[in-house]
């Protein structure tokens, strides 16, 4: 089933999210060495011109030459909006991107041959801010207003948690639909009592408004109701791209693990790349990583624990009424 950019963009207009090395992959010998014996294959990835986190993975990878190290040439195709970012992947303009697991769930049901190849950013960067010290939990928002992007995968996570706690978002808590930047502005202007945001905006908020309080961290909340980790952004390749470059999942994951190592061990350099490439204010990426809100953990999706957690997220999205059915398990790539 072919998807046109026009048709796909209609779905993605309301969606938002903000926006990863070989020895520890557990993959055995990778294709990197063999790849050098011939011309390096090209892997084209969707990127963004927005000051968000996801494109930073590719920027660090390219700046450090991690693509060449692992036997491929990374080509970045930048897009000016989230809808165009996903549409490029859906229509085959790009081979790979980093996106929300439940967004890939929707794409798969729309006929896009998406294959999730690994884990990525945990849910830790999804938070809810308040200004009132008396509000200490999501339950304390009963009868109050929360500004949140209702079309985003992040909102699905909050709603799934609220349901598990017996709260009805939209009924017990009034939800004002707003993207992350507008949600922050609504709280600043006291039009709502709480705002749902993600990194890097969360670190920017804390720098500018240190008195604001975080009452909800999605990683902690998800672990509370499921007993396992959840994922906000994960890497996926198209099945036809994997056919063209069979070693692409291994090579890309190895390079992403190297990016994760840069974030752990050379954070000042990564912060400078963020300033230069996605125009984040100096120190914001560093603050996000050091706070543990921005946590980049790259493991193969076909391993038992990641596979289980990713499919569980999709099952819960169905039970919460976001989708009619869970996708075929082959949405998770298996070598």
C-alpha atoms as a PDB file:
ATOM      1  CA  UNK A   1       0.000   0.000   0.000  1.00  0.00           C
ATOM      2  CA  UNK A   2       1.566   3.293  -1.101  1.00  0.00           C
ATOM      3  CA  UNK A   3       1.005   6.393   0.993  1.00  0.00           C
ATOM      4  CA  UNK A   4       1.049   9.824  -0.585  1.00  0.00           C
ATOM      5  CA  UNK A   5       2.622  12.789   1.173  1.00  0.00           C
ATOM      6  CA  UNK A   6      -0.673  14.688   0.979  1.00  0.00           C
ATOM      7  CA  UNK A   7      -2.672  11.887   2.570  1.00  0.00           C
ATOM      8  CA  UNK A   8      -0.093  11.163   5.209  1.00  0.00           C
ATOM      9  CA  UNK A   9       0.387  14.788   6.230  1.00  0.00           C
ATOM     10  CA  UNK A  10      -3.281  15.000   7.156  1.00  0.00           C
ATOM     11  CA  UNK A  11      -2.716  12.379   9.840  1.00  0.00           C
ATOM     12  CA  UNK A  12       0.513  13.851  11.142  1.00  0.00           C
ATOM     13  CA  UNK A  13      -0.545  17.519  11.356  1.00  0.00           C
ATOM     14  CA  UNK A  14      -1.755  17.107  14.927  1.00  0.00           C
ATOM     15  CA  UNK A  15       1.068  14.856  16.033  1.00  0.00           C
ATOM     16  CA  UNK A  16       4.064  16.150  17.923  1.00  0.00           C
ATOM     17  CA  UNK A  17       6.969  14.979  19.895  1.00  0.00           C
ATOM     18  CA  UNK A  18      10.029  16.700  20.483  1.00  0.00           C
ATOM     19  CA  UNK A  19      12.425  16.007  20.159  1.00  0.00           C
ATOM     20  CA  UNK A  20      21.623   6.881  20.484  1.00  0.00           C
ATOM     21  CA  UNK A  21      28.436   1.994  19.219  1.00  0.00           C
ATOM     22  CA  UNK A  22      28.995  -1.676  18.877  1.00  0.00           C
ATOM     23  CA  UNK A  23      30.714  -3.621  21.653  1.00  0.00           C
ATOM     24  CA  UNK A  24      27.709  -3.585  23.999  1.00  0.00           C
ATOM     25  CA  UNK A  25      25.036  -4.238  21.399  1.00  0.00           C
ATOM     26  CA  UNK A  26      25.041  -7.958  21.973  1.00  0.00           C
ATOM     27  CA  UNK A  27      24.959  -8.423  18.209  1.00  0.00           C
ATOM     28  CA  UNK A  28      28.161 -10.417  17.811  1.00  0.00           C
ATOM     29  CA  UNK A  29      30.530  -9.318  15.010  1.00  0.00           C
ATOM     30  CA  UNK A  30      29.019  -6.400  13.139  1.00  0.00           C
ATOM     31  CA  UNK A  31      29.200  -5.700   9.436  1.00  0.00           C
ATOM     32  CA  UNK A  32      31.408  -2.649   9.902  1.00  0.00           C
ATOM     33  CA  UNK A  33      34.693  -4.286   8.960  1.00  0.00           C
ATOM     34  CA  UNK A  34      33.280  -6.111   5.960  1.00  0.00           C
ATOM     35  CA  UNK A  35      31.604  -2.951   4.731  1.00  0.00           C
ATOM     36  CA  UNK A  36      34.939  -1.262   4.215  1.00  0.00           C
ATOM     37  CA  UNK A  37      35.804  -3.818   1.537  1.00  0.00           C
ATOM     38  CA  UNK A  38      33.321  -2.165  -0.795  1.00  0.00           C
ATOM     39  CA  UNK A  39      31.680   1.219  -1.305  1.00  0.00           C
ATOM     40  CA  UNK A  40      29.838   2.309   1.803  1.00  0.00           C
ATOM     41  CA  UNK A  41      26.035   2.137   1.480  1.00  0.00           C
ATOM     42  CA  UNK A  42      24.074   5.338   2.030  1.00  0.00           C
ATOM     43  CA  UNK A  43      21.386   5.556   4.695  1.00  0.00           C
ATOM     44  CA  UNK A  44      19.165   8.619   4.397  1.00  0.00           C
ATOM     45  CA  UNK A  45      17.465   9.767   7.599  1.00  0.00           C
ATOM     46  CA  UNK A  46      14.680  12.223   8.350  1.00  0.00           C
ATOM     47  CA  UNK A  47      15.943  15.185  10.355  1.00  0.00           C
ATOM     48  CA  UNK A  48      14.447  18.452  11.567  1.00  0.00           C
ATOM     49  CA  UNK A  49      15.403  22.108  11.351  1.00  0.00           C
ATOM     50  CA  UNK A  50      13.669  22.687  14.713  1.00  0.00           C
ATOM     51  CA  UNK A  51      15.500  23.124  18.055  1.00  0.00           C
ATOM     52  CA  UNK A  52      14.595  19.654  19.309  1.00  0.00           C
ATOM     53  CA  UNK A  53      16.521  16.601  20.499  1.00  0.00           C
ATOM     54  CA  UNK A  54      15.934  13.883  17.893  1.00  0.00           C
ATOM     55  CA  UNK A  55      18.009  15.393  15.034  1.00  0.00           C
ATOM     56  CA  UNK A  56      20.901  15.872  17.433  1.00  0.00           C
ATOM     57  CA  UNK A  57      21.543  12.117  17.292  1.00  0.00           C
ATOM     58  CA  UNK A  58      22.265  12.346  13.581  1.00  0.00           C
ATOM     59  CA  UNK A  59      24.247  15.577  13.970  1.00  0.00           C
ATOM     60  CA  UNK A  60      26.581  14.042  16.560  1.00  0.00           C
ATOM     61  CA  UNK A  61      26.891  10.908  14.457  1.00  0.00           C
ATOM     62  CA  UNK A  62      27.903  12.867  11.385  1.00  0.00           C
ATOM     63  CA  UNK A  63      30.151  15.350  13.198  1.00  0.00           C
ATOM     64  CA  UNK A  64      32.098  12.531  14.860  1.00  0.00           C
ATOM     65  CA  UNK A  65      32.322  10.389  11.702  1.00  0.00           C
ATOM     66  CA  UNK A  66      30.513   7.536  13.419  1.00  0.00           C
ATOM     67  CA  UNK A  67      28.697   6.567  10.232  1.00  0.00           C
ATOM     68  CA  UNK A  68      31.956   5.994   8.361  1.00  0.00           C
ATOM     69  CA  UNK A  69      33.385   4.161  11.381  1.00  0.00           C
ATOM     70  CA  UNK A  70      30.578   1.623  11.114  1.00  0.00           C
ATOM     71  CA  UNK A  71      30.620   1.247   7.349  1.00  0.00           C
ATOM     72  CA  UNK A  72      27.934   3.545   5.948  1.00  0.00           C
ATOM     73  CA  UNK A  73      27.382   7.102   4.778  1.00  0.00           C
ATOM     74  CA  UNK A  74      24.698   8.978   6.700  1.00  0.00           C
ATOM     75  CA  UNK A  75      22.716  11.479   4.658  1.00  0.00           C
ATOM     76  CA  UNK A  76      20.508  13.916   6.558  1.00  0.00           C
ATOM     77  CA  UNK A  77      17.317  15.131   4.917  1.00  0.00           C
ATOM     78  CA  UNK A  78      16.038  18.053   7.007  1.00  0.00           C
ATOM     79  CA  UNK A  79      12.348  18.891   7.227  1.00  0.00           C
ATOM     80  CA  UNK A  80      10.737  22.050   8.645  1.00  0.00           C
ATOM     81  CA  UNK A  81       7.847  20.350  10.448  1.00  0.00           C
ATOM     82  CA  UNK A  82       6.926  17.164  12.298  1.00  0.00           C
ATOM     83  CA  UNK A  83       4.349  16.181   9.666  1.00  0.00           C
ATOM     84  CA  UNK A  84       6.876  16.501   6.836  1.00  0.00           C
ATOM     85  CA  UNK A  85       9.472  14.644   8.935  1.00  0.00           C
ATOM     86  CA  UNK A  86       7.262  11.559   9.217  1.00  0.00           C
ATOM     87  CA  UNK A  87       5.885  11.929   5.691  1.00  0.00           C
ATOM     88  CA  UNK A  88       9.378  11.666   4.225  1.00  0.00           C
ATOM     89  CA  UNK A  89       9.783   8.298   5.922  1.00  0.00           C
ATOM     90  CA  UNK A  90       6.269   7.145   5.029  1.00  0.00           C
ATOM     91  CA  UNK A  91       6.690   7.883   1.335  1.00  0.00           C
ATOM     92  CA  UNK A  92      10.186   6.403   1.095  1.00  0.00           C
ATOM     93  CA  UNK A  93      12.144   9.641   0.726  1.00  0.00           C
ATOM     94  CA  UNK A  94      14.159   8.544   3.738  1.00  0.00           C
ATOM     95  CA  UNK A  95      15.250   5.166   5.057  1.00  0.00           C
ATOM     96  CA  UNK A  96      15.133   5.823   8.776  1.00  0.00           C
ATOM     97  CA  UNK A  97      14.090   8.167  11.540  1.00  0.00           C
ATOM     98  CA  UNK A  98      13.727   8.423  15.288  1.00  0.00           C
ATOM     99  CA  UNK A  99      10.103   8.603  16.400  1.00  0.00           C
ATOM    100  CA  UNK A 100       7.449   7.582  18.882  1.00  0.00           C
ATOM    101  CA  UNK A 101       6.634   3.856  19.200  1.00  0.00           C
ATOM    102  CA  UNK A 102       2.894   4.452  18.979  1.00  0.00           C
ATOM    103  CA  UNK A 103       3.392   6.752  15.976  1.00  0.00           C
ATOM    104  CA  UNK A 104       5.132   3.853  14.248  1.00  0.00           C
ATOM    105  CA  UNK A 105       2.158   1.743  15.322  1.00  0.00           C
ATOM    106  CA  UNK A 106      -0.122   4.086  13.389  1.00  0.00           C
ATOM    107  CA  UNK A 107       2.205   4.210  10.388  1.00  0.00           C
ATOM    108  CA  UNK A 108       2.323   0.422  10.228  1.00  0.00           C
ATOM    109  CA  UNK A 109      -1.465   0.243  10.217  1.00  0.00           C
ATOM    110  CA  UNK A 110      -1.483   2.784   7.391  1.00  0.00           C
ATOM    111  CA  UNK A 111       0.723   0.493   5.298  1.00  0.00           C
ATOM    112  CA  UNK A 112       4.150   1.982   5.963  1.00  0.00           C
ATOM    113  CA  UNK A 113       6.763  -0.830   6.171  1.00  0.00           C
ATOM    114  CA  UNK A 114       8.224   0.463   9.448  1.00  0.00           C
ATOM    115  CA  UNK A 115      10.554  -1.786  11.429  1.00  0.00           C
ATOM    116  CA  UNK A 116      11.636  -0.648  14.889  1.00  0.00           C
ATOM    117  CA  UNK A 117      15.276  -1.679  15.269  1.00  0.00           C
ATOM    118  CA  UNK A 118      16.175  -0.543  18.765  1.00  0.00           C
ATOM    119  CA  UNK A 119      15.477   1.504  21.849  1.00  0.00           C
ATOM    120  CA  UNK A 120      16.422   5.154  22.196  1.00  0.00           C
ATOM    121  CA  UNK A 121      15.224   7.955  24.445  1.00  0.00           C
ATOM    122  CA  UNK A 122      13.394   6.849  27.570  1.00  0.00           C
ATOM    123  CA  UNK A 123      10.206   8.492  28.795  1.00  0.00           C
ATOM    124  CA  UNK A 124      12.151  10.459  31.426  1.00  0.00           C
ATOM    125  CA  UNK A 125      12.091  13.718  29.454  1.00  0.00           C
ATOM    126  CA  UNK A 126       8.282  13.864  29.420  1.00  0.00           C
ATOM    127  CA  UNK A 127       7.178  15.896  32.431  1.00  0.00           C
ATOM    128  CA  UNK A 128       4.291  17.969  33.747  1.00  0.00           C
ATOM    129  CA  UNK A 129       5.019  21.340  35.360  1.00  0.00           C
ATOM    130  CA  UNK A 130       2.943  23.320  37.856  1.00  0.00           C
ATOM    131  CA  UNK A 131       3.455  26.647  39.598  1.00  0.00           C
ATOM    132  CA  UNK A 132       1.240  25.982  42.641  1.00  0.00           C
ATOM    133  CA  UNK A 133       3.124  24.208  45.451  1.00  0.00           C
ATOM    134  CA  UNK A 134      -0.132  22.689  46.668  1.00  0.00           C
ATOM    135  CA  UNK A 135      -0.360  20.545  43.509  1.00  0.00           C
ATOM    136  CA  UNK A 136       1.893  17.562  44.066  1.00  0.00           C
ATOM    137  CA  UNK A 137       0.541  14.843  41.763  1.00  0.00           C
ATOM    138  CA  UNK A 138      -1.656  14.229  38.734  1.00  0.00           C
ATOM    139  CA  UNK A 139      -4.529  13.411  41.099  1.00  0.00           C
ATOM    140  CA  UNK A 140      -4.281  16.937  42.543  1.00  0.00           C
ATOM    141  CA  UNK A 141      -5.218  18.302  39.111  1.00  0.00           C
ATOM    142  CA  UNK A 142      -8.816  17.075  39.485  1.00  0.00           C
ATOM    143  CA  UNK A 143     -11.105  19.970  38.616  1.00  0.00           C
ATOM    144  CA  UNK A 144      -8.198  21.903  37.124  1.00  0.00           C
ATOM    145  CA  UNK A 145      -6.770  22.469  33.654  1.00  0.00           C
ATOM    146  CA  UNK A 146      -3.796  20.820  31.961  1.00  0.00           C
ATOM    147  CA  UNK A 147      -2.321  22.184  28.724  1.00  0.00           C
ATOM    148  CA  UNK A 148      -1.126  19.306  26.545  1.00  0.00           C
ATOM    149  CA  UNK A 149      -0.762  18.320  22.911  1.00  0.00           C
ATOM    150  CA  UNK A 150      -3.636  15.869  22.574  1.00  0.00           C
ATOM    151  CA  UNK A 151      -2.424  14.626  19.195  1.00  0.00           C
ATOM    152  CA  UNK A 152       0.981  13.555  20.462  1.00  0.00           C
ATOM    153  CA  UNK A 153       2.328  10.193  21.522  1.00  0.00           C
ATOM    154  CA  UNK A 154       3.338  11.818  24.795  1.00  0.00           C
ATOM    155  CA  UNK A 155      -0.293  12.598  25.598  1.00  0.00           C
ATOM    156  CA  UNK A 156      -1.118   8.931  25.029  1.00  0.00           C
ATOM    157  CA  UNK A 157       1.403   7.987  27.715  1.00  0.00           C
ATOM    158  CA  UNK A 158      -0.102  10.437  30.219  1.00  0.00           C
ATOM    159  CA  UNK A 159      -3.633   9.253  29.453  1.00  0.00           C
ATOM    160  CA  UNK A 160      -2.687   5.580  29.820  1.00  0.00           C
ATOM    161  CA  UNK A 161      -1.178   6.349  33.237  1.00  0.00           C
ATOM    162  CA  UNK A 162      -4.190   8.429  34.272  1.00  0.00           C
ATOM    163  CA  UNK A 163      -6.550   5.602  33.288  1.00  0.00           C
ATOM    164  CA  UNK A 164      -4.544   3.172  35.423  1.00  0.00           C
ATOM    165  CA  UNK A 165      -4.984   5.554  38.342  1.00  0.00           C
ATOM    166  CA  UNK A 166      -8.727   5.940  37.819  1.00  0.00           C
ATOM    167  CA  UNK A 167      -8.471   9.441  36.362  1.00  0.00           C
ATOM    168  CA  UNK A 168     -10.319  10.487  33.230  1.00  0.00           C
ATOM    169  CA  UNK A 169      -8.364  13.093  31.292  1.00  0.00           C
ATOM    170  CA  UNK A 170     -10.923  15.376  29.730  1.00  0.00           C
ATOM    171  CA  UNK A 171     -13.457  14.724  32.456  1.00  0.00           C
ATOM    172  CA  UNK A 172     -11.719  14.752  35.847  1.00  0.00           C
ATOM    173  CA  UNK A 173      -9.005  17.000  34.459  1.00  0.00           C
ATOM    174  CA  UNK A 174      -9.820  19.495  31.710  1.00  0.00           C
ATOM    175  CA  UNK A 175      -7.286  19.233  28.874  1.00  0.00           C
ATOM    176  CA  UNK A 176      -6.513  22.359  26.856  1.00  0.00           C
ATOM    177  CA  UNK A 177      -5.022  21.305  23.516  1.00  0.00           C
ATOM    178  CA  UNK A 178      -1.678  23.051  22.995  1.00  0.00           C
ATOM    179  CA  UNK A 179       1.710  22.170  21.576  1.00  0.00           C
ATOM    180  CA  UNK A 180       4.618  22.100  24.009  1.00  0.00           C
ATOM    181  CA  UNK A 181       5.658  25.734  23.570  1.00  0.00           C
ATOM    182  CA  UNK A 182       2.081  26.989  23.833  1.00  0.00           C
ATOM    183  CA  UNK A 183       1.450  24.778  26.883  1.00  0.00           C
ATOM    184  CA  UNK A 184       4.393  26.439  28.599  1.00  0.00           C
ATOM    185  CA  UNK A 185       3.014  29.893  27.671  1.00  0.00           C
ATOM    186  CA  UNK A 186      -0.436  28.969  28.990  1.00  0.00           C
ATOM    187  CA  UNK A 187       0.994  28.022  32.363  1.00  0.00           C
ATOM    188  CA  UNK A 188       3.175  31.120  32.446  1.00  0.00           C
ATOM    189  CA  UNK A 189       0.078  33.270  31.875  1.00  0.00           C
ATOM    190  CA  UNK A 190      -1.908  31.370  34.561  1.00  0.00           C
ATOM    191  CA  UNK A 191      -4.511  30.234  32.030  1.00  0.00           C
ATOM    192  CA  UNK A 192      -3.987  26.619  33.157  1.00  0.00           C
ATOM    193  CA  UNK A 193      -2.679  24.983  36.316  1.00  0.00           C
ATOM    194  CA  UNK A 194      -0.288  22.545  34.597  1.00  0.00           C
ATOM    195  CA  UNK A 195       1.622  22.058  31.353  1.00  0.00           C
ATOM    196  CA  UNK A 196       2.940  18.918  29.655  1.00  0.00           C
ATOM    197  CA  UNK A 197       6.357  19.452  28.040  1.00  0.00           C
ATOM    198  CA  UNK A 198       9.435  17.515  26.922  1.00  0.00           C
ATOM    199  CA  UNK A 199      13.141  18.162  26.591  1.00  0.00           C
ATOM    200  CA  UNK A 200      14.834  20.444  25.689  1.00  0.00           C
ATOM    201  CA  UNK A 201      11.976  22.748  26.725  1.00  0.00           C
ATOM    202  CA  UNK A 202      11.902  21.280  30.238  1.00  0.00           C
ATOM    203  CA  UNK A 203      15.505  22.333  30.896  1.00  0.00           C
ATOM    204  CA  UNK A 204      14.888  25.752  29.348  1.00  0.00           C
ATOM    205  CA  UNK A 205      11.875  26.211  31.654  1.00  0.00           C
ATOM    206  CA  UNK A 206      13.855  25.256  34.753  1.00  0.00           C
ATOM    207  CA  UNK A 207      16.596  27.711  33.820  1.00  0.00           C
ATOM    208  CA  UNK A 208      14.089  30.547  33.367  1.00  0.00           C
ATOM    209  CA  UNK A 209      11.531  29.553  36.027  1.00  0.00           C
ATOM    210  CA  UNK A 210      13.375  27.654  38.784  1.00  0.00           C
ATOM    211  CA  UNK A 211      10.356  27.876  41.098  1.00  0.00           C
ATOM    212  CA  UNK A 212       8.195  25.724  38.810  1.00  0.00           C
ATOM    213  CA  UNK A 213       7.712  22.155  40.035  1.00  0.00           C
ATOM    214  CA  UNK A 214       7.654  18.839  38.177  1.00  0.00           C
ATOM    215  CA  UNK A 215       4.774  16.705  39.471  1.00  0.00           C
ATOM    216  CA  UNK A 216       4.917  13.977  36.833  1.00  0.00           C
ATOM    217  CA  UNK A 217       7.848  12.174  35.211  1.00  0.00           C
ATOM    218  CA  UNK A 218       6.677   9.723  32.573  1.00  0.00           C
ATOM    219  CA  UNK A 219       9.521   7.233  33.064  1.00  0.00           C
ATOM    220  CA  UNK A 220       8.723   6.854  36.754  1.00  0.00           C
ATOM    221  CA  UNK A 221       4.992   6.769  36.081  1.00  0.00           C
ATOM    222  CA  UNK A 222       5.287   4.144  33.355  1.00  0.00           C
ATOM    223  CA  UNK A 223       7.470   1.920  35.520  1.00  0.00           C
ATOM    224  CA  UNK A 224       4.940   2.267  38.342  1.00  0.00           C
ATOM    225  CA  UNK A 225       2.059   0.855  36.283  1.00  0.00           C
ATOM    226  CA  UNK A 226       3.957  -1.624  34.085  1.00  0.00           C
ATOM    227  CA  UNK A 227       7.041  -2.644  36.024  1.00  0.00           C
ATOM    228  CA  UNK A 228       9.229  -2.007  32.971  1.00  0.00           C
ATOM    229  CA  UNK A 229      10.775   0.800  30.967  1.00  0.00           C
ATOM    230  CA  UNK A 230       8.868   2.759  28.367  1.00  0.00           C
ATOM    231  CA  UNK A 231      10.259   4.565  25.343  1.00  0.00           C
ATOM    232  CA  UNK A 232       9.529   7.991  23.974  1.00  0.00           C
ATOM    233  CA  UNK A 233      11.637   7.927  20.811  1.00  0.00           C
ATOM    234  CA  UNK A 234      13.077   4.880  19.056  1.00  0.00           C
ATOM    235  CA  UNK A 235      14.851   4.296  15.718  1.00  0.00           C
ATOM    236  CA  UNK A 236      13.088   2.616  12.807  1.00  0.00           C
ATOM    237  CA  UNK A 237      14.087   1.621   9.286  1.00  0.00           C
ATOM    238  CA  UNK A 238      11.867   0.863   6.319  1.00  0.00           C
ATOM    239  CA  UNK A 239      11.688  -2.837   5.418  1.00  0.00           C
ATOM    240  CA  UNK A 240      12.625  -2.059   1.812  1.00  0.00           C
ATOM    241  CA  UNK A 241      15.685  -0.156   3.028  1.00  0.00           C
ATOM    242  CA  UNK A 242      16.750  -3.198   5.056  1.00  0.00           C
ATOM    243  CA  UNK A 243      16.333  -5.319   1.917  1.00  0.00           C
ATOM    244  CA  UNK A 244      18.630  -2.935   0.074  1.00  0.00           C
ATOM    245  CA  UNK A 245      21.190  -2.793   2.905  1.00  0.00           C
ATOM    246  CA  UNK A 246      20.777  -5.933   5.034  1.00  0.00           C
ATOM    247  CA  UNK A 247      23.358  -4.792   7.583  1.00  0.00           C
ATOM    248  CA  UNK A 248      21.724  -1.378   8.045  1.00  0.00           C
ATOM    249  CA  UNK A 249      20.091  -2.219  11.438  1.00  0.00           C
ATOM    250  CA  UNK A 250      23.391  -3.435  12.919  1.00  0.00           C
ATOM    251  CA  UNK A 251      25.433  -0.568  11.497  1.00  0.00           C
ATOM    252  CA  UNK A 252      22.952   2.104  12.544  1.00  0.00           C
ATOM    253  CA  UNK A 253      22.573   0.737  16.073  1.00  0.00           C
ATOM    254  CA  UNK A 254      26.347   0.528  16.484  1.00  0.00           C
ATOM    255  CA  UNK A 255      26.725   4.168  15.456  1.00  0.00           C
ATOM    256  CA  UNK A 256      23.867   5.180  17.765  1.00  0.00           C
ATOM    257  CA  UNK A 257      25.541   3.451  20.684  1.00  0.00           C
ATOM    258  CA  UNK A 258      28.614   5.529  19.944  1.00  0.00           C
ATOM    259  CA  UNK A 259      26.433   8.653  20.052  1.00  0.00           C
ATOM    260  CA  UNK A 260      25.140   7.538  23.460  1.00  0.00           C
ATOM    261  CA  UNK A 261      28.760   7.203  24.597  1.00  0.00           C
ATOM    262  CA  UNK A 262      29.474  10.767  23.471  1.00  0.00           C
ATOM    263  CA  UNK A 263      26.510  11.989  25.530  1.00  0.00           C
ATOM    264  CA  UNK A 264      27.875  10.131  28.557  1.00  0.00           C
ATOM    265  CA  UNK A 265      31.590  10.807  28.210  1.00  0.00           C
ATOM    266  CA  UNK A 266      32.035  14.000  26.164  1.00  0.00           C
ATOM    267  CA  UNK A 267      28.971  16.019  27.053  1.00  0.00           C
ATOM    268  CA  UNK A 268      30.593  19.414  26.546  1.00  0.00           C
ATOM    269  CA  UNK A 269      31.368  18.503  22.937  1.00  0.00           C
ATOM    270  CA  UNK A 270      27.832  17.211  22.417  1.00  0.00           C
ATOM    271  CA  UNK A 271      26.430  20.415  23.893  1.00  0.00           C
ATOM    272  CA  UNK A 272      28.477  22.478  21.424  1.00  0.00           C
ATOM    273  CA  UNK A 273      27.151  20.393  18.532  1.00  0.00           C
ATOM    274  CA  UNK A 274      23.624  21.058  19.824  1.00  0.00           C
ATOM    275  CA  UNK A 275      24.305  24.793  19.900  1.00  0.00           C
ATOM    276  CA  UNK A 276      25.822  24.821  16.430  1.00  0.00           C
ATOM    277  CA  UNK A 277      23.391  22.461  14.679  1.00  0.00           C
ATOM    278  CA  UNK A 278      19.945  22.757  16.262  1.00  0.00           C
ATOM    279  CA  UNK A 279      20.507  26.154  17.908  1.00  0.00           C
ATOM    280  CA  UNK A 280      19.841  25.094  21.472  1.00  0.00           C
ATOM    281  CA  UNK A 281      20.988  27.627  24.082  1.00  0.00           C
ATOM    282  CA  UNK A 282      24.431  26.744  25.492  1.00  0.00           C
ATOM    283  CA  UNK A 283      24.237  24.347  28.423  1.00  0.00           C
ATOM    284  CA  UNK A 284      20.694  23.147  27.812  1.00  0.00           C
ATOM    285  CA  UNK A 285      21.595  19.730  26.410  1.00  0.00           C
ATOM    286  CA  UNK A 286      24.141  19.302  29.207  1.00  0.00           C
ATOM    287  CA  UNK A 287      21.508  20.167  31.821  1.00  0.00           C
ATOM    288  CA  UNK A 288      18.999  17.745  30.304  1.00  0.00           C
ATOM    289  CA  UNK A 289      21.486  14.866  30.293  1.00  0.00           C
ATOM    290  CA  UNK A 290      22.935  15.572  33.743  1.00  0.00           C
ATOM    291  CA  UNK A 291      19.433  15.750  35.240  1.00  0.00           C
ATOM    292  CA  UNK A 292      18.798  12.203  33.891  1.00  0.00           C
ATOM    293  CA  UNK A 293      15.690  13.479  32.129  1.00  0.00           C
ATOM    294  CA  UNK A 294      17.371  12.982  28.759  1.00  0.00           C
ATOM    295  CA  UNK A 295      18.438   9.354  28.853  1.00  0.00           C
ATOM    296  CA  UNK A 296      19.592   7.710  25.617  1.00  0.00           C
ATOM    297  CA  UNK A 297      19.743   3.925  25.926  1.00  0.00           C
ATOM    298  CA  UNK A 298      20.392   1.972  22.731  1.00  0.00           C
ATOM    299  CA  UNK A 299      19.754  -1.762  22.657  1.00  0.00           C
ATOM    300  CA  UNK A 300      18.483  -3.984  19.824  1.00  0.00           C
ATOM    301  CA  UNK A 301      14.687  -4.080  19.748  1.00  0.00           C
ATOM    302  CA  UNK A 302      14.698  -7.815  19.061  1.00  0.00           C
ATOM    303  CA  UNK A 303      16.109  -8.612  22.493  1.00  0.00           C
ATOM    304  CA  UNK A 304      13.486  -9.982  24.861  1.00  0.00           C
ATOM    305  CA  UNK A 305      13.055  -7.073  27.307  1.00  0.00           C
ATOM    306  CA  UNK A 306      12.948  -4.210  24.750  1.00  0.00           C
ATOM    307  CA  UNK A 307      10.664  -6.191  22.437  1.00  0.00           C
ATOM    308  CA  UNK A 308       8.279  -6.918  25.306  1.00  0.00           C
ATOM    309  CA  UNK A 309       8.195  -3.302  26.495  1.00  0.00           C
ATOM    310  CA  UNK A 310       7.624  -1.873  23.000  1.00  0.00           C
ATOM    311  CA  UNK A 311       4.782  -4.270  22.170  1.00  0.00           C
ATOM    312  CA  UNK A 312       3.271  -3.631  25.613  1.00  0.00           C
ATOM    313  CA  UNK A 313       3.181   0.124  24.891  1.00  0.00           C
ATOM    314  CA  UNK A 314       1.272  -0.561  21.678  1.00  0.00           C
ATOM    315  CA  UNK A 315      -1.168  -2.928  23.386  1.00  0.00           C
ATOM    316  CA  UNK A 316      -1.889  -0.309  26.045  1.00  0.00           C
ATOM    317  CA  UNK A 317      -2.502   2.323  23.355  1.00  0.00           C
ATOM    318  CA  UNK A 318      -5.175   0.028  21.907  1.00  0.00           C
ATOM    319  CA  UNK A 319      -6.781  -0.549  25.316  1.00  0.00           C
ATOM    320  CA  UNK A 320      -6.815   3.228  25.890  1.00  0.00           C
ATOM    321  CA  UNK A 321      -8.824   3.645  22.680  1.00  0.00           C
ATOM    322  CA  UNK A 322      -6.190   5.348  20.536  1.00  0.00           C
ATOM    323  CA  UNK A 323      -6.039   2.552  17.954  1.00  0.00           C
ATOM    324  CA  UNK A 324      -8.305  -0.299  16.885  1.00  0.00           C
ATOM    325  CA  UNK A 325      -5.689  -3.035  17.062  1.00  0.00           C
ATOM    326  CA  UNK A 326      -2.048  -3.693  17.824  1.00  0.00           C
ATOM    327  CA  UNK A 327       0.247  -4.154  14.822  1.00  0.00           C
ATOM    328  CA  UNK A 328       1.714  -7.451  13.711  1.00  0.00           C
ATOM    329  CA  UNK A 329       4.750  -8.223  15.931  1.00  0.00           C
ATOM    330  CA  UNK A 330       6.944  -8.014  12.842  1.00  0.00           C
ATOM    331  CA  UNK A 331       6.899  -4.235  13.349  1.00  0.00           C
ATOM    332  CA  UNK A 332       9.822  -5.114  15.640  1.00  0.00           C
ATOM    333  CA  UNK A 333      12.762  -5.982  13.407  1.00  0.00           C
ATOM    334  CA  UNK A 334      14.271  -9.439  13.902  1.00  0.00           C
ATOM    335  CA  UNK A 335      17.529 -10.428  12.161  1.00  0.00           C
END
